[in-house]
Amino acid sequence: MSTANELLRDYQHVIAELSLFTGSKGVFDVVVDDEVLYSKQVTGRHAKPGEVFELFRDRVVPGIGPYER
């Protein structure tokens, strides 16, 4: 849940929709516009703190700064 909170806190100005789905057997995949950013099944481990946020920032919104408060 902290990943979703980080994304919405800093990139609420570019995220139109964010959905969380429960899975089975410890599934943890992050998909943005049909592109898999992170998959626990592929890596064999859970994401490190901040890892998904960095992937989103670098691959989805490069050059776009965080939401200014």
N, C-alpha and C. Protein backbone atom coordinates (compact mmCIF):
# COMPACT_ATOMS: atom_id res chain seq x y z
N MET A 1 0.81 -1.19 0.00
CA MET A 1 0.00 0.00 0.00
C MET A 1 0.86 1.26 0.00
N SER A 2 2.04 1.20 0.59
CA SER A 2 2.87 2.40 0.63
C SER A 2 3.30 2.83 -0.76
N THR A 3 3.45 1.88 -1.69
CA THR A 3 3.81 2.24 -3.06
C THR A 3 2.71 3.09 -3.68
N ALA A 4 1.48 2.68 -3.52
CA ALA A 4 0.35 3.45 -4.05
C ALA A 4 0.31 4.83 -3.43
N ASN A 5 0.54 4.91 -2.12
CA ASN A 5 0.54 6.20 -1.45
C ASN A 5 1.64 7.12 -1.97
N GLU A 6 2.83 6.57 -2.18
CA GLU A 6 3.94 7.37 -2.72
C GLU A 6 3.61 7.90 -4.11
N LEU A 7 3.08 7.03 -4.95
CA LEU A 7 2.76 7.44 -6.32
C LEU A 7 1.70 8.53 -6.34
N LEU A 8 0.64 8.35 -5.56
CA LEU A 8 -0.42 9.35 -5.54
C LEU A 8 0.03 10.65 -4.89
N ARG A 9 0.87 10.57 -3.89
CA ARG A 9 1.36 11.78 -3.22
C ARG A 9 2.19 12.63 -4.19
N ASP A 10 3.09 11.99 -4.93
CA ASP A 10 4.03 12.75 -5.75
C ASP A 10 3.64 12.90 -7.21
N TYR A 11 2.75 12.03 -7.71
CA TYR A 11 2.39 12.10 -9.14
C TYR A 11 0.89 12.13 -9.37
N GLN A 12 0.16 12.71 -8.42
CA GLN A 12 -1.29 12.82 -8.57
C GLN A 12 -1.66 13.67 -9.78
N HIS A 13 -0.77 14.53 -10.23
CA HIS A 13 -1.07 15.40 -11.36
C HIS A 13 -0.92 14.70 -12.71
N VAL A 14 -0.41 13.45 -12.72
CA VAL A 14 -0.30 12.71 -13.98
C VAL A 14 -1.02 11.36 -13.95
N ILE A 15 -1.47 10.93 -12.78
CA ILE A 15 -2.15 9.64 -12.66
C ILE A 15 -3.66 9.87 -12.74
N ALA A 16 -4.27 9.32 -13.78
CA ALA A 16 -5.72 9.46 -13.95
C ALA A 16 -6.47 8.42 -13.13
N GLU A 17 -5.88 7.25 -12.98
CA GLU A 17 -6.55 6.16 -12.26
C GLU A 17 -5.50 5.23 -11.70
N LEU A 18 -5.74 4.74 -10.49
CA LEU A 18 -4.86 3.76 -9.87
C LEU A 18 -5.75 2.70 -9.24
N SER A 19 -5.54 1.45 -9.61
CA SER A 19 -6.35 0.35 -9.10
C SER A 19 -5.45 -0.67 -8.42
N LEU A 20 -5.93 -1.21 -7.31
CA LEU A 20 -5.24 -2.28 -6.61
C LEU A 20 -6.10 -3.53 -6.70
N PHE A 21 -5.49 -4.64 -7.06
CA PHE A 21 -6.20 -5.91 -7.18
C PHE A 21 -5.51 -6.93 -6.30
N THR A 22 -6.29 -7.71 -5.60
CA THR A 22 -5.71 -8.78 -4.80
C THR A 22 -5.39 -9.97 -5.70
N GLY A 23 -4.34 -10.65 -5.35
CA GLY A 23 -3.95 -11.84 -6.10
C GLY A 23 -3.81 -13.01 -5.15
N SER A 24 -3.29 -14.08 -5.66
CA SER A 24 -3.07 -15.25 -4.82
C SER A 24 -1.60 -15.64 -4.87
N LYS A 25 -1.18 -16.39 -3.91
CA LYS A 25 0.19 -16.91 -3.85
C LYS A 25 1.24 -15.80 -3.84
N GLY A 26 0.93 -14.67 -3.20
CA GLY A 26 1.92 -13.61 -3.06
C GLY A 26 2.21 -12.83 -4.33
N VAL A 27 1.26 -12.80 -5.26
CA VAL A 27 1.45 -12.07 -6.51
C VAL A 27 1.63 -10.59 -6.21
N PHE A 28 2.64 -9.98 -6.81
CA PHE A 28 2.83 -8.53 -6.70
C PHE A 28 3.36 -8.05 -8.04
N ASP A 29 2.47 -7.55 -8.87
CA ASP A 29 2.82 -7.01 -10.18
C ASP A 29 2.36 -5.57 -10.24
N VAL A 30 3.16 -4.74 -10.87
CA VAL A 30 2.79 -3.35 -11.08
C VAL A 30 2.75 -3.14 -12.59
N VAL A 31 1.58 -2.78 -13.10
CA VAL A 31 1.37 -2.61 -14.53
C VAL A 31 0.85 -1.20 -14.77
N VAL A 32 1.47 -0.50 -15.71
CA VAL A 32 1.05 0.85 -16.09
C VAL A 32 0.82 0.86 -17.59
N ASP A 33 -0.39 1.20 -17.98
CA ASP A 33 -0.75 1.24 -19.41
C ASP A 33 -0.31 -0.03 -20.13
N ASP A 34 -0.63 -1.17 -19.56
CA ASP A 34 -0.34 -2.50 -20.11
C ASP A 34 1.15 -2.85 -20.15
N GLU A 35 2.00 -2.06 -19.52
CA GLU A 35 3.43 -2.37 -19.43
C GLU A 35 3.74 -2.81 -18.00
N VAL A 36 4.38 -3.96 -17.86
CA VAL A 36 4.75 -4.45 -16.55
C VAL A 36 6.00 -3.70 -16.09
N LEU A 37 5.84 -2.95 -15.00
CA LEU A 37 6.99 -2.25 -14.42
C LEU A 37 7.74 -3.12 -13.45
N TYR A 38 7.01 -3.93 -12.70
CA TYR A 38 7.64 -4.80 -11.72
C TYR A 38 6.80 -6.05 -11.56
N SER A 39 7.46 -7.19 -11.45
CA SER A 39 6.78 -8.46 -11.21
C SER A 39 7.58 -9.28 -10.22
N LYS A 40 6.95 -9.61 -9.12
CA LYS A 40 7.59 -10.45 -8.11
C LYS A 40 7.90 -11.83 -8.70
N GLN A 41 7.02 -12.33 -9.56
CA GLN A 41 7.23 -13.64 -10.16
C GLN A 41 8.49 -13.64 -11.04
N VAL A 42 8.73 -12.56 -11.76
CA VAL A 42 9.90 -12.47 -12.63
C VAL A 42 11.18 -12.31 -11.81
N THR A 43 11.14 -11.44 -10.80
CA THR A 43 12.35 -11.16 -10.02
C THR A 43 12.61 -12.20 -8.94
N GLY A 44 11.56 -12.90 -8.51
CA GLY A 44 11.70 -13.88 -7.46
C GLY A 44 11.77 -13.27 -6.06
N ARG A 45 11.42 -12.00 -5.95
CA ARG A 45 11.47 -11.32 -4.66
C ARG A 45 10.46 -10.19 -4.64
N HIS A 46 10.17 -9.73 -3.44
CA HIS A 46 9.29 -8.57 -3.31
C HIS A 46 10.11 -7.32 -3.61
N ALA A 47 9.47 -6.29 -4.09
CA ALA A 47 10.16 -5.03 -4.41
C ALA A 47 10.78 -4.43 -3.15
N LYS A 48 11.94 -3.85 -3.31
CA LYS A 48 12.58 -3.13 -2.21
C LYS A 48 11.85 -1.82 -1.99
N PRO A 49 11.93 -1.26 -0.78
CA PRO A 49 11.28 0.03 -0.53
C PRO A 49 11.74 1.09 -1.55
N GLY A 50 10.78 1.74 -2.19
CA GLY A 50 11.07 2.79 -3.17
C GLY A 50 11.37 2.29 -4.57
N GLU A 51 11.53 0.99 -4.75
CA GLU A 51 11.92 0.45 -6.07
C GLU A 51 10.85 0.69 -7.14
N VAL A 52 9.61 0.40 -6.82
CA VAL A 52 8.53 0.60 -7.80
C VAL A 52 8.35 2.09 -8.09
N PHE A 53 8.46 2.91 -7.07
CA PHE A 53 8.36 4.36 -7.25
C PHE A 53 9.43 4.85 -8.22
N GLU A 54 10.66 4.37 -8.05
CA GLU A 54 11.76 4.77 -8.94
C GLU A 54 11.52 4.29 -10.37
N LEU A 55 11.02 3.06 -10.53
CA LEU A 55 10.71 2.55 -11.86
C LEU A 55 9.65 3.41 -12.53
N PHE A 56 8.61 3.76 -11.78
CA PHE A 56 7.55 4.61 -12.32
C PHE A 56 8.13 5.96 -12.75
N ARG A 57 8.89 6.56 -11.87
CA ARG A 57 9.46 7.88 -12.15
C ARG A 57 10.38 7.84 -13.38
N ASP A 58 11.22 6.83 -13.47
CA ASP A 58 12.20 6.75 -14.55
C ASP A 58 11.61 6.32 -15.89
N ARG A 59 10.60 5.43 -15.87
CA ARG A 59 10.09 4.88 -17.12
C ARG A 59 8.77 5.48 -17.57
N VAL A 60 7.96 5.96 -16.64
CA VAL A 60 6.63 6.46 -17.01
C VAL A 60 6.60 7.98 -17.09
N VAL A 61 7.25 8.65 -16.15
CA VAL A 61 7.19 10.11 -16.11
C VAL A 61 8.59 10.77 -16.11
N PRO A 62 9.50 10.30 -16.99
CA PRO A 62 10.82 10.93 -16.98
C PRO A 62 10.71 12.41 -17.32
N GLY A 63 11.42 13.21 -16.59
CA GLY A 63 11.41 14.64 -16.85
C GLY A 63 10.24 15.39 -16.22
N ILE A 64 9.31 14.68 -15.60
CA ILE A 64 8.18 15.33 -14.94
C ILE A 64 8.45 15.32 -13.45
N GLY A 65 8.45 16.46 -12.86
CA GLY A 65 8.71 16.57 -11.43
C GLY A 65 7.51 16.17 -10.60
N PRO A 66 7.74 15.95 -9.32
CA PRO A 66 6.63 15.62 -8.42
C PRO A 66 5.66 16.78 -8.26
N TYR A 67 4.49 16.44 -7.79
CA TYR A 67 3.44 17.42 -7.53
C TYR A 67 3.94 18.45 -6.51
N GLU A 68 3.78 19.70 -6.84
CA GLU A 68 4.22 20.76 -5.93
C GLU A 68 3.11 21.05 -4.94
N ARG A 69 3.46 20.99 -3.68
CA ARG A 69 2.49 21.25 -2.62
C ARG A 69 2.60 22.66 -2.14
